[in-house]
Protein backbone atom coordinates (compact mmCIF):
# COMPACT_ATOMS: atom_id res chain seq x y z
CA MET A 1 87.56 -89.01 -21.69
CA THR A 2 90.42 -90.20 -19.49
CA TYR A 3 92.70 -87.51 -20.92
CA TYR A 4 90.22 -84.75 -20.04
CA MET A 5 89.64 -86.13 -16.56
CA GLN A 6 93.37 -86.24 -15.88
CA LEU A 7 93.76 -82.74 -17.29
CA SER A 8 90.88 -81.48 -15.12
CA PHE A 9 92.40 -83.01 -12.00
CA ASN A 10 95.77 -81.54 -12.87
CA VAL A 11 94.33 -78.04 -13.30
CA VAL A 12 92.34 -78.32 -10.05
CA PHE A 13 95.39 -79.64 -8.19
CA GLU A 14 97.40 -76.63 -9.36
CA GLN A 15 94.65 -74.26 -8.20
CA THR A 16 94.20 -75.82 -4.76
CA ALA A 17 96.47 -74.61 -1.98
CA THR A 18 98.26 -77.07 0.27
CA ASN A 19 95.95 -78.43 3.00
CA GLU A 20 92.95 -76.83 1.29
CA LYS A 21 89.95 -78.80 0.03
CA CYS A 22 88.97 -78.55 -3.59
CA LYS A 23 85.70 -76.71 -4.13
CA LYS A 24 83.05 -77.28 -6.76
CA GLU A 25 83.75 -73.83 -8.24
CA GLN A 26 87.37 -74.81 -8.87
CA ILE A 27 86.25 -77.86 -10.81
CA SER A 28 83.86 -75.74 -12.88
CA ARG A 29 86.61 -73.22 -13.63
CA ALA A 30 89.00 -76.02 -14.63
CA ILE A 31 86.45 -77.56 -16.97
CA ASN A 32 85.59 -74.17 -18.49
CA SER A 33 89.30 -73.52 -19.02
CA ILE A 34 89.70 -76.82 -20.86
CA LEU A 35 86.60 -76.15 -22.95
CA SER A 36 88.01 -72.75 -23.91
CA GLN A 37 91.29 -74.36 -24.91
CA GLN A 38 89.40 -76.91 -27.04
CA ASP A 39 87.06 -74.38 -28.67
CA HIS A 40 88.89 -74.11 -31.98
CA SER A 41 89.42 -77.88 -32.19
CA TYR A 42 85.74 -78.65 -31.56
CA ARG A 43 84.63 -76.02 -34.07
CA MET A 44 86.91 -77.54 -36.70
CA GLN A 45 85.68 -81.05 -35.95
CA LEU A 46 82.04 -79.99 -36.27
CA SER A 47 82.50 -77.82 -39.37
CA PRO A 48 82.05 -80.65 -41.92
CA LEU A 49 78.68 -81.65 -40.42
CA SER A 50 75.58 -80.36 -42.16
CA PRO A 51 72.97 -78.47 -40.10
CA LYS A 52 70.61 -81.39 -39.37
CA PRO A 53 73.22 -83.61 -37.66
CA LYS A 54 74.45 -80.56 -35.71
CA GLU A 55 70.91 -79.81 -34.56
CA LEU A 56 70.50 -83.41 -33.42
CA LEU A 57 73.83 -83.26 -31.57
CA LEU A 58 72.56 -80.20 -29.68
CA ALA A 59 69.31 -81.98 -28.85
CA ILE A 60 71.17 -85.04 -27.55
CA ALA A 61 73.58 -82.80 -25.62
CA LYS A 62 70.64 -81.07 -23.92
CA GLU A 63 69.05 -84.38 -22.99
CA GLY A 64 72.29 -86.00 -21.84
CA HIS A 65 70.82 -89.44 -22.45
CA ALA A 66 68.23 -89.15 -25.22
CA GLU A 67 65.48 -91.70 -25.78
CA HIS A 68 62.76 -91.95 -28.42
CA ILE A 69 64.60 -89.47 -30.61
CA THR A 70 62.38 -90.09 -33.64
CA SER A 71 59.17 -89.51 -31.69
CA GLY A 72 57.05 -86.50 -32.51
CA ASN A 73 57.51 -85.20 -28.96
CA PHE A 74 61.32 -85.25 -29.20
CA VAL A 75 61.28 -83.71 -32.69
CA ARG A 76 58.97 -80.88 -31.57
CA LYS A 77 60.72 -80.30 -28.25
CA HIS A 78 64.06 -79.74 -29.99
CA HIS A 79 62.68 -78.00 -33.09
CA LEU A 80 64.01 -80.67 -35.44
CA THR A 81 62.73 -80.97 -39.00
CA SER A 82 61.18 -84.45 -39.03
CA SER A 83 61.55 -88.00 -37.77
CA SER A 84 63.05 -89.08 -41.08
CA SER A 85 65.72 -86.36 -40.91
CA VAL A 86 66.51 -87.50 -37.36
CA GLN A 87 66.89 -91.09 -38.62
CA SER A 88 69.33 -89.95 -41.32
CA ALA A 89 71.27 -87.78 -38.91
CA ILE A 90 71.46 -90.47 -36.22
CA ARG A 91 72.78 -92.96 -38.75
CA GLN A 92 75.51 -90.53 -39.81
CA LEU A 93 76.43 -89.50 -36.27
CA THR A 94 76.60 -93.12 -35.11
CA GLU A 95 78.68 -94.27 -38.08
CA GLU A 96 81.10 -91.38 -37.63
CA GLY A 97 81.46 -92.00 -33.89
CA TRP A 98 79.91 -88.76 -32.66
CA ILE A 99 77.33 -90.58 -30.59
CA THR A 100 76.94 -93.93 -28.90
CA TYR A 101 73.86 -95.77 -27.75
CA SER A 102 72.79 -98.49 -25.42
CA ALA A 103 69.81 -100.68 -26.13
CA ASN A 104 67.32 -102.34 -23.82
CA ASN A 105 63.86 -103.68 -24.57
CA ARG A 106 63.99 -102.34 -28.13
CA ASN A 107 64.65 -98.79 -26.92
CA ARG A 108 67.91 -97.03 -27.60
CA THR A 109 69.39 -94.37 -25.39
CA TYR A 110 71.77 -92.04 -27.25
CA GLN A 111 74.56 -89.92 -25.84
CA ILE A 112 77.47 -87.92 -27.19
CA ALA A 113 80.58 -90.09 -27.20
CA ASP A 114 82.92 -87.33 -25.96
CA SER A 115 81.63 -85.96 -22.65
CA PHE A 116 83.70 -82.80 -22.95
CA LEU A 117 82.30 -82.19 -26.43
CA ARG A 118 78.85 -82.39 -24.86
CA LEU A 119 79.82 -79.79 -22.25
CA TRP A 120 81.32 -77.58 -24.97
CA ILE A 121 78.12 -77.84 -27.04
CA LEU A 122 76.03 -76.91 -24.00
CA ASN A 123 78.29 -73.94 -23.27
CA THR A 124 78.45 -72.78 -26.87
CA TYR A 125 74.94 -73.45 -28.19
CA GLY A 126 72.87 -74.32 -25.15
CA GLU A 127 72.28 -73.09 -21.65
CA GLY A 128 75.70 -74.02 -20.28
CA PHE A 129 76.27 -76.79 -17.78
CA SER A 130 76.35 -77.18 -14.03
CA LEU A 131 78.00 -79.77 -11.89
CA PRO A 132 75.82 -81.99 -9.71
C-alpha cells in the first residue's frame, strides 16, 4: 500500500503546476493511471483462482468492508452460489493473503488486503470507484 500511495503522490506532484493546488480529479487520474499500469500484473495474479473465490473477491470489493458474508442476504445480494462455497472461498482467500479480517463480538469484517487491487477489481468488474 505504501508503494502505491507514494507512486500516486509522485504522479499527482508531476501533474500539479507550481503554486497550484491539487484537485480531486488529478488524484483520480493518477490512480487510474496506476491501475492501468498494473492491469496485466493483477490479471496474472488472479488467473490461478477458480471462479468462486474470484466472485467472492468481487463481492468483498463492492462492499469495501464485508460482514456476515455467509448469510443468505449477502449470498443473494452478490449472486454467490451458497454459504458453504463462500466458507471454502474465504478460507482459501485468507490463507493465500488476498483478504484480511478484523474480529469483534464474534463478527468478522473482511476486506481485500491490497487496496489498489480492490480499486482495480471495481474498475474492471464492478461499477468503478470514486474518491470521497
